[in-house]
Amino acid sequence: MMVCVTLNVLFLMLSLCSPSFINTENANVQEKLFLSSMGLSSRPKPSHQAPVPSLLWKMFKKSTKQTSTSHSDPCLVSEYGVRGNIVRFIQDQGSLISAPAVHCFNCVRKHLFFNMSVLEDVEQLSFAQLEMKFKQDLAHLGQHVFSVDLYRVLRTMLKGVTHESSRKLLLSQSLGPGAHASVLVNLTDLAESWRKPGKNYGMQLEMQLTHLSNMLQEHAYVKSAQIPELHTSLVVVSLNPLQCRSRRKRSAAYYLPVTPSNVCKPRRLYIDFKDVGWQDWIIAPQGYLANYCHGECPFPLSESLNGTNHAILQTLVHSFDPKGTPQPCCVPIKLSPISMLYYDNNDNVVLRHYEDMVVDECGCR
């Protein structure tokens, strides 16, 4: 009996689950190869498990349902109307600016920075949107208007020192009591420019309160506690064209064919990410039905074994010369994708579509 296993991921899972299957060194090599295919430099070790945005959960559940039931385009993110198979919520790595500003005495100022190097060179940026979300509604503002000014930083500045020539206004917006608790800004072009080495200086955010009675700047000191607490993140949609193909309807992943046990066919294999120690960075799914191919390709090769003309001739020659000519291999000929929700090496939450993760059909090759 000859079995050819072509999926690195299955090789890796089996080796990690069964130490006797292969030595640790080879298992580590296989793990690095698999993580590299996910765009990860090493196995992520989240310093803190950031909450998963509700929209990303909805997108994951939707993609999982579509994978198994439809012919939908796996490389279209309908929520944003753009092409893509990777969605990241990139966390803000900036910090508050403690130095006061002459032009804005009672401002709360913050430096925003989003690391765009998490995108691979092969990825095509389709969409980037900044979300500034207040952690409470704005009803408490009373007789005040809350204003938000967002600037692009054009060059490196001394810490806390602001020169108007070193920044460019992107957004100026006032929010009154009862206003929506989030502000969305399309930053696609700017985010693309940040991908160039040495071009990402981040942004500056200035927030202040103005009284409704005179709409003139109140120069009294405003405590930062009066400014609503703000969470900022950058949602980035990108397309990896190497991992994007037309989706075919799954036909055999859950209903394996009934054939003699020693004949080439898909065999059930459920991979639990906890078994391989990946549960701390893979959010969902907890595991998946991967399956694998196993069995003989006997002579005569029947049509049900999906053999090529080459495989048919090889089995014929094998029947005359079994020692000199091996049987064809039982290999995957049809595979399905899955979607995964996980933390990357920068604690960002990522939703990504992966091709060729589930064995649907096997054949002799």
Protein backbone atom coordinates (compact mmCIF):
# COMPACT_ATOMS: atom_id res chain seq x y z
CA MET A 1 0.00 0.00 0.00
CA MET A 2 1.36 3.42 -0.95
CA VAL A 3 0.07 6.73 0.35
CA CYS A 4 1.26 10.17 -0.79
CA VAL A 5 0.42 13.01 1.60
CA THR A 6 0.65 16.40 -0.14
CA LEU A 7 -0.73 18.75 2.50
CA ASN A 8 1.92 20.28 4.73
CA VAL A 9 -0.71 21.16 7.28
CA LEU A 10 -1.83 17.54 7.70
CA PHE A 11 1.77 16.42 8.01
CA LEU A 12 2.31 19.04 10.67
CA MET A 13 -0.82 18.21 12.64
CA LEU A 14 -0.08 14.51 12.66
CA SER A 15 3.51 15.05 13.72
CA LEU A 16 2.55 17.34 16.59
CA CYS A 17 -0.26 15.08 17.78
CA SER A 18 1.92 11.94 17.57
CA PRO A 19 5.52 12.60 18.63
CA SER A 20 6.52 9.17 17.36
CA PHE A 21 5.37 10.07 13.85
CA ILE A 22 8.31 12.36 13.13
CA ASN A 23 11.10 14.07 15.04
CA THR A 24 10.67 17.47 16.66
CA GLU A 25 13.10 19.23 14.31
CA ASN A 26 11.09 18.30 11.22
CA ALA A 27 7.86 19.24 12.99
CA ASN A 28 9.27 22.71 13.74
CA VAL A 29 10.25 23.13 10.08
CA GLN A 30 6.76 22.16 8.96
CA GLU A 31 5.19 24.54 11.48
CA LYS A 32 7.33 27.44 10.21
CA LEU A 33 6.32 26.66 6.62
CA PHE A 34 2.65 26.66 7.53
CA LEU A 35 2.89 29.86 9.59
CA SER A 36 4.79 31.51 6.73
CA SER A 37 1.92 30.67 4.38
CA MET A 38 -0.32 32.54 6.84
CA GLY A 39 1.94 35.60 6.67
CA LEU A 40 3.28 34.99 10.19
CA SER A 41 6.97 35.15 11.12
CA SER A 42 6.47 32.85 14.11
CA ARG A 43 3.73 31.35 16.24
CA PRO A 44 1.78 34.29 17.73
CA LYS A 45 1.81 34.70 21.50
CA PRO A 46 -0.83 37.36 22.25
CA SER A 47 0.20 39.62 25.14
CA HIS A 48 -3.49 40.26 25.70
CA GLN A 49 -6.48 38.88 23.89
CA ALA A 50 -8.13 41.95 22.42
CA PRO A 51 -11.91 41.66 21.99
CA VAL A 52 -13.03 40.59 18.53
CA PRO A 53 -15.05 43.34 16.79
CA SER A 54 -18.67 42.27 16.34
CA LEU A 55 -18.49 42.97 12.60
CA LEU A 56 -15.58 40.55 12.25
CA TRP A 57 -17.55 37.82 14.02
CA LYS A 58 -20.43 38.35 11.60
CA MET A 59 -18.07 38.21 8.63
CA PHE A 60 -16.47 35.00 9.92
CA LYS A 61 -19.82 33.27 10.42
CA LYS A 62 -20.97 34.41 7.00
CA SER A 63 -17.81 33.18 5.25
CA THR A 64 -17.99 29.83 7.05
CA LYS A 65 -21.56 29.31 5.88
CA GLN A 66 -20.73 30.31 2.31
CA THR A 67 -17.71 28.00 2.17
CA SER A 68 -19.88 24.92 2.63
CA THR A 69 -23.06 25.90 0.82
CA SER A 70 -22.50 28.28 -2.07
CA HIS A 71 -20.49 29.34 -5.08
CA SER A 72 -19.91 32.85 -3.71
CA ASP A 73 -16.77 34.77 -4.54
CA PRO A 74 -14.26 34.11 -1.72
CA CYS A 75 -12.34 37.24 -2.67
CA LEU A 76 -15.09 39.81 -2.30
CA VAL A 77 -15.65 41.57 1.03
CA SER A 78 -19.24 42.68 0.52
CA GLU A 79 -19.36 44.60 3.81
CA TYR A 80 -17.00 47.18 2.29
CA GLY A 81 -17.70 46.53 -1.40
CA VAL A 82 -14.07 45.75 -2.29
CA ARG A 83 -11.94 42.83 -3.41
CA GLY A 84 -10.08 41.06 -0.64
CA ASN A 85 -9.50 37.81 1.26
CA ILE A 86 -7.83 39.23 4.39
CA VAL A 87 -9.44 41.61 6.90
CA ARG A 88 -7.36 43.03 9.73
CA PHE A 89 -8.28 45.25 12.66
CA ILE A 90 -4.92 46.91 13.29
CA GLN A 91 -4.50 48.27 16.80
CA ASP A 92 -3.32 51.81 17.52
CA GLN A 93 0.22 51.81 18.91
CA GLY A 94 0.34 55.56 19.61
CA SER A 95 0.15 57.35 22.96
CA LEU A 96 -1.09 60.54 24.60
CA ILE A 97 0.95 63.70 24.04
CA SER A 98 1.60 65.29 27.43
CA ALA A 99 3.11 68.58 26.25
CA PRO A 100 0.51 71.41 26.00
CA ALA A 101 -0.13 73.11 22.66
CA VAL A 102 -0.04 76.89 22.31
CA HIS A 103 -2.77 76.89 19.67
CA CYS A 104 -5.05 74.60 21.69
CA PHE A 105 -4.72 75.26 25.42
CA ASN A 106 -7.38 72.84 26.64
CA CYS A 107 -6.93 70.08 24.07
CA VAL A 108 -6.38 66.42 24.72
CA ARG A 109 -3.83 65.33 22.14
CA LYS A 110 -2.89 61.86 20.97
CA HIS A 111 -0.42 60.40 18.50
CA LEU A 112 -1.95 57.60 16.41
CA PHE A 113 0.24 54.98 14.78
CA PHE A 114 -0.78 51.87 12.83
CA ASN A 115 1.89 49.37 11.80
CA MET A 116 1.31 48.66 8.11
CA SER A 117 4.30 46.32 7.88
CA VAL A 118 1.96 43.49 8.95
CA LEU A 119 0.84 43.37 5.31
CA GLU A 120 2.95 41.16 3.06
CA ASP A 121 4.47 42.65 -0.10
CA VAL A 122 2.27 40.45 -2.28
CA GLU A 123 -0.93 41.82 -0.72
CA GLN A 124 -2.88 44.45 -2.62
CA LEU A 125 -4.46 47.02 -0.30
CA SER A 126 -8.15 47.43 -1.16
CA PHE A 127 -9.56 49.48 1.70
CA ALA A 128 -8.51 51.13 4.95
CA GLN A 129 -10.86 52.86 7.37
CA LEU A 130 -10.09 54.53 10.67
CA GLU A 131 -12.68 54.03 13.39
CA MET A 132 -12.68 56.36 16.39
CA LYS A 133 -15.15 54.85 18.81
CA PHE A 134 -16.15 56.47 22.08
CA LYS A 135 -16.65 54.07 24.96
CA GLN A 136 -19.72 56.00 26.16
CA ASP A 137 -22.44 58.02 24.52
CA LEU A 138 -22.10 61.80 24.26
CA ALA A 139 -25.23 62.71 26.22
CA HIS A 140 -23.09 63.78 29.19
CA LEU A 141 -21.68 66.72 27.21
CA GLY A 142 -24.58 68.90 28.29
CA GLN A 143 -24.05 72.42 26.96
CA HIS A 144 -20.74 71.55 25.31
CA VAL A 145 -19.72 70.60 21.78
CA PHE A 146 -16.98 68.04 21.46
CA SER A 147 -14.66 68.67 18.49
CA VAL A 148 -12.27 66.27 16.82
CA ASP A 149 -9.39 67.39 14.58
CA LEU A 150 -7.32 64.73 12.82
CA TYR A 151 -3.99 65.52 11.17
CA ARG A 152 -1.58 63.52 9.05
CA VAL A 153 1.98 63.87 10.33
CA LEU A 154 4.26 64.71 7.40
CA ARG A 155 7.64 64.34 9.04
CA THR A 156 9.31 63.46 12.31
CA MET A 157 8.72 65.97 15.10
CA LEU A 158 10.17 66.52 18.53
CA LYS A 159 8.04 64.78 21.14
CA GLY A 160 5.05 66.93 21.95
CA VAL A 161 6.11 69.78 19.66
CA THR A 162 3.70 70.65 16.87
CA HIS A 163 4.49 72.78 13.84
CA GLU A 164 1.67 73.43 11.37
CA SER A 165 4.06 72.88 8.47
CA SER A 166 4.73 69.35 9.68
CA ARG A 167 1.14 68.17 9.53
CA LYS A 168 -1.93 68.27 7.27
CA LEU A 169 -5.56 68.45 8.37
CA LEU A 170 -7.56 65.38 7.38
CA LEU A 171 -10.77 65.87 9.35
CA SER A 172 -12.44 68.50 11.52
CA GLN A 173 -15.73 67.48 13.05
CA SER A 174 -17.92 68.70 15.91
CA LEU A 175 -20.12 66.36 17.91
CA GLY A 176 -22.93 67.49 20.16
CA PRO A 177 -25.01 65.69 22.79
CA GLY A 178 -26.75 62.67 21.26
CA ALA A 179 -24.30 62.37 18.37
CA HIS A 180 -23.23 58.95 17.11
CA ALA A 181 -20.55 57.42 19.32
CA SER A 182 -18.09 56.72 16.51
CA VAL A 183 -16.36 58.53 13.65
CA LEU A 184 -15.27 56.75 10.46
CA VAL A 185 -12.59 58.10 8.12
CA ASN A 186 -11.55 56.53 4.80
CA LEU A 187 -7.74 56.35 4.82
CA THR A 188 -7.12 53.98 1.89
CA ASP A 189 -4.73 56.23 -0.03
CA LEU A 190 -2.88 57.32 3.11
CA ALA A 191 -2.53 53.73 4.36
CA GLU A 192 -1.08 52.72 0.99
CA SER A 193 1.56 55.45 1.30
CA TRP A 194 2.42 54.18 4.80
CA ARG A 195 3.56 50.88 3.28
CA LYS A 196 6.62 52.60 1.79
CA PRO A 197 9.73 52.44 4.03
CA GLY A 198 10.19 55.53 6.19
CA LYS A 199 6.87 57.13 5.20
CA ASN A 200 4.66 56.24 8.15
CA TYR A 201 4.79 59.01 10.77
CA GLY A 202 1.25 58.35 11.94
CA MET A 203 -1.38 60.96 12.75
CA GLN A 204 -2.25 63.49 15.46
CA LEU A 205 -5.64 63.68 17.09
CA GLU A 206 -6.79 66.78 18.98
CA MET A 207 -9.97 66.78 21.07
CA GLN A 208 -11.51 69.69 22.95
CA LEU A 209 -14.77 71.04 24.43
CA THR A 210 -16.51 74.28 23.38
CA HIS A 211 -19.52 75.77 25.19
CA LEU A 212 -22.75 76.12 23.18
CA SER A 213 -23.67 79.51 24.71
CA ASN A 214 -21.06 81.49 22.81
CA MET A 215 -19.32 78.88 20.60
CA LEU A 216 -16.05 80.60 21.54
CA GLN A 217 -13.15 78.59 22.80
CA GLU A 218 -13.27 78.32 26.56
CA HIS A 219 -9.76 78.86 27.77
CA ALA A 220 -10.46 77.36 31.17
CA TYR A 221 -8.53 74.17 31.78
CA VAL A 222 -10.49 71.08 30.80
CA LYS A 223 -9.61 67.91 32.64
CA SER A 224 -8.97 64.90 30.41
CA ALA A 225 -11.66 63.03 32.36
CA GLN A 226 -14.25 65.32 30.73
CA ILE A 227 -13.17 64.15 27.27
CA PRO A 228 -14.92 60.88 26.31
CA GLU A 229 -12.63 57.86 26.36
CA LEU A 230 -11.75 56.94 22.81
CA HIS A 231 -10.64 53.69 21.15
CA THR A 232 -9.05 53.88 17.71
CA SER A 233 -8.42 51.07 15.23
CA LEU A 234 -7.75 50.74 11.52
CA VAL A 235 -9.68 48.15 9.55
CA VAL A 236 -7.65 47.07 6.52
CA VAL A 237 -8.91 44.87 3.67
CA SER A 238 -6.29 43.37 1.36
CA LEU A 239 -6.12 40.79 -1.40
CA ASN A 240 -3.50 38.08 -1.68
CA PRO A 241 -3.99 37.00 -5.32
CA LEU A 242 -1.97 33.81 -4.75
CA GLN A 243 -4.60 32.55 -2.31
CA CYS A 244 -7.70 33.52 -4.20
CA ARG A 245 -9.47 31.25 -6.63
CA SER A 246 -13.05 30.60 -7.70
CA ARG A 247 -14.85 28.60 -5.05
CA ARG A 248 -16.35 25.27 -5.98
CA LYS A 249 -19.23 23.78 -4.07
CA ARG A 250 -18.07 21.23 -1.56
CA SER A 251 -19.35 17.79 -2.39
CA ALA A 252 -17.62 15.26 -0.19
CA ALA A 253 -16.20 16.88 2.92
CA TYR A 254 -18.91 15.65 5.25
CA TYR A 255 -20.31 12.72 3.27
CA LEU A 256 -17.39 10.42 2.55
CA PRO A 257 -18.04 7.76 -0.10
CA VAL A 258 -18.69 4.17 0.92
CA THR A 259 -16.04 2.00 -0.80
CA PRO A 260 -13.87 -0.97 0.19
CA SER A 261 -11.64 0.09 3.09
CA ASN A 262 -8.34 -0.67 1.31
CA VAL A 263 -9.15 1.42 -1.78
CA CYS A 264 -8.03 5.03 -2.27
CA LYS A 265 -10.61 7.39 -0.77
CA PRO A 266 -10.98 10.32 1.67
CA ARG A 267 -10.63 9.36 5.32
CA ARG A 268 -12.08 11.38 8.16
CA LEU A 269 -9.62 13.53 10.11
CA TYR A 270 -10.77 16.23 12.51
CA ILE A 271 -8.03 18.63 13.58
CA ASP A 272 -8.51 20.24 16.99
CA PHE A 273 -6.25 23.29 17.35
CA LYS A 274 -5.97 22.61 21.07
CA ASP A 275 -4.21 19.33 20.27
CA VAL A 276 -1.39 21.20 18.53
CA GLY A 277 -1.17 24.04 21.05
CA TRP A 278 -2.60 26.75 18.80
CA GLN A 279 -5.73 27.52 20.82
CA ASP A 280 -4.17 30.62 22.40
CA TRP A 281 -3.93 32.52 19.08
CA ILE A 282 -6.56 30.95 16.82
CA ILE A 283 -9.90 32.44 17.86
CA ALA A 284 -12.15 30.46 15.53
CA PRO A 285 -12.79 27.81 14.46
CA GLN A 286 -11.70 25.59 17.34
CA GLY A 287 -10.90 22.93 14.78
CA TYR A 288 -12.03 21.68 11.40
CA LEU A 289 -12.73 18.52 9.40
CA ALA A 290 -9.55 18.32 7.32
CA ASN A 291 -9.71 14.69 6.07
CA TYR A 292 -6.87 12.97 4.23
CA CYS A 293 -6.37 10.51 1.36
CA HIS A 294 -5.41 6.91 2.01
CA GLY A 295 -5.67 3.58 0.20
CA GLU A 296 -4.45 1.53 -2.74
CA CYS A 297 -4.71 2.25 -6.44
CA PRO A 298 -5.15 -1.36 -7.61
CA PHE A 299 -5.18 -2.83 -11.12
CA PRO A 300 -7.47 -2.47 -12.99
CA LEU A 301 -7.99 1.17 -12.04
CA SER A 302 -11.73 1.83 -11.95
CA GLU A 303 -13.38 5.10 -12.97
CA SER A 304 -14.40 5.75 -9.35
CA LEU A 305 -10.73 6.16 -8.40
CA ASN A 306 -10.39 9.27 -10.58
CA GLY A 307 -7.17 8.06 -12.16
CA THR A 308 -5.31 9.89 -14.92
CA ASN A 309 -4.26 8.11 -18.11
CA HIS A 310 -0.73 8.06 -16.69
CA ALA A 311 -1.98 6.40 -13.49
CA ILE A 312 -3.89 3.77 -15.51
CA LEU A 313 -0.75 2.87 -17.45
CA GLN A 314 1.33 2.88 -14.28
CA THR A 315 -0.98 0.35 -12.59
CA LEU A 316 -0.80 -1.80 -15.70
CA VAL A 317 3.02 -1.81 -15.66
CA HIS A 318 2.98 -2.40 -11.89
CA SER A 319 0.89 -5.53 -12.40
CA PHE A 320 3.72 -6.98 -14.54
CA ASP A 321 6.64 -5.53 -12.58
CA PRO A 322 5.51 -4.87 -8.96
CA LYS A 323 9.09 -4.52 -7.65
CA GLY A 324 10.37 -2.15 -10.31
CA THR A 325 7.29 0.07 -10.72
CA PRO A 326 5.31 1.43 -7.77
CA GLN A 327 1.56 1.85 -7.68
CA PRO A 328 0.16 5.35 -8.28
CA CYS A 329 -0.31 7.47 -5.18
CA CYS A 330 -3.63 8.20 -3.47
CA VAL A 331 -3.71 11.99 -3.34
CA PRO A 332 -6.18 14.87 -2.91
CA ILE A 333 -7.68 16.02 -6.22
CA LYS A 334 -10.32 18.38 -4.86
CA LEU A 335 -9.92 20.58 -1.80
CA SER A 336 -12.04 23.21 -0.10
CA PRO A 337 -11.12 26.42 1.75
CA ILE A 338 -11.78 27.52 5.29
CA SER A 339 -11.79 30.91 6.99
CA MET A 340 -9.81 31.53 10.18
CA LEU A 341 -10.05 34.24 12.81
CA TYR A 342 -6.83 34.73 14.78
CA TYR A 343 -4.35 37.07 16.48
CA ASP A 344 -1.22 37.92 14.51
CA ASN A 345 2.28 38.69 15.84
CA ASN A 346 1.18 42.26 16.66
CA ASP A 347 -1.98 41.31 18.61
CA ASN A 348 -4.18 42.43 15.71
CA VAL A 349 -7.36 40.47 15.02
CA VAL A 350 -7.28 39.00 11.51
CA LEU A 351 -9.92 37.26 9.40
CA ARG A 352 -8.34 35.33 6.54
CA HIS A 353 -9.51 32.97 3.81
CA TYR A 354 -7.31 29.91 3.16
CA GLU A 355 -7.50 27.70 0.10
CA ASP A 356 -6.86 23.93 0.00
CA MET A 357 -7.45 23.12 3.67
CA VAL A 358 -10.12 20.39 3.42
CA VAL A 359 -9.81 17.20 1.36
CA ASP A 360 -13.05 16.62 -0.52
CA GLU A 361 -12.06 14.02 -3.13
CA CYS A 362 -9.13 11.69 -3.69
CA GLY A 363 -7.70 10.14 -6.83
CA CYS A 364 -4.85 8.02 -8.11
CA ARG A 365 -1.93 9.94 -9.59
